[in-house]
């Protein structure tokens, strides 16, 4: 009689375990279905621009090669070539005219604030080029701007890693067209209408990333520099972040790549479920009463 009760209790426990396993597997499948719905891409809205800014844009030309043979002048008045600043490190490229009192200082301030949040240093892990698109700007104006923003950046070695360049109209036009930076000169107001943003370039001089606006996420900038450097800088944690975050050219930002997150979550959940099922089945086997031996 006692053996029968033990066997009945064991069967009841086994049935309860199987029910829990079936329930967990059902929940897992439902979660996968929900995640797949959430992962479906959303349609981007058209960018409506006011008439005053028509023709002014920062058009993405990802993967395009910059004309590294272009001749420019640095902040000391020395003639340099664009390619002098490439070869070993990724480059952050910014456009600003040095007599601008509005957007350009805000843009460079935003760059400095973001860079100060990074452990990477200009002149070590990357270089910065600020190029004036006003052919009237002179090396002396460039030098004054450089001194100003180096003081704000306040990182050792930045003097060799951040250069302010000027050039003639033909050179400026070739460079701005190569990267998709379009601007207009407003003769009535006596100033330029232009887009704001920065570009990340590979050590070979190819366009890797665009970031728009005057404020730049330190996380996005760090990930962009790592990708532009072909993963030669950064840490293993950065590589994991790059797996989960994906650059969206439409927004110029890094967004959570839900499909990769789902993969990671799915693997982790599957491992957890597998471990749980194994433990429960083993426990069930140990709890099952042994049949009495024949006399």
Foldseek 3Di string as FASTA:
>chain_A
DVLVVLQVVLVVLVVVLVVVLVVLVVVLVVVLVVLVVVLDDDDDDDDDDDPVCVQFDQDADFFFFFPQQQWWAWLVRDIDTNLVFFDQAKEKEFEDALVDPPFRVLQLVQVLVLVLPDPDDQQGRYAYEYEYQDQVDDSPSQNVVVVVSCVSNVDPRNVVRYIYIYDHNVSSVSRCVRRRWTWDQDPVVRGIDHFHWMFIAASSRGTHFIAGDRHDHSLFVVLSRCVSPVNPDDDPVSVVVPQQWDQDRVHRGIDGNSVSVCVVVSVVSVVVSVVVSVVSVVVSVVSNDDDDDDD
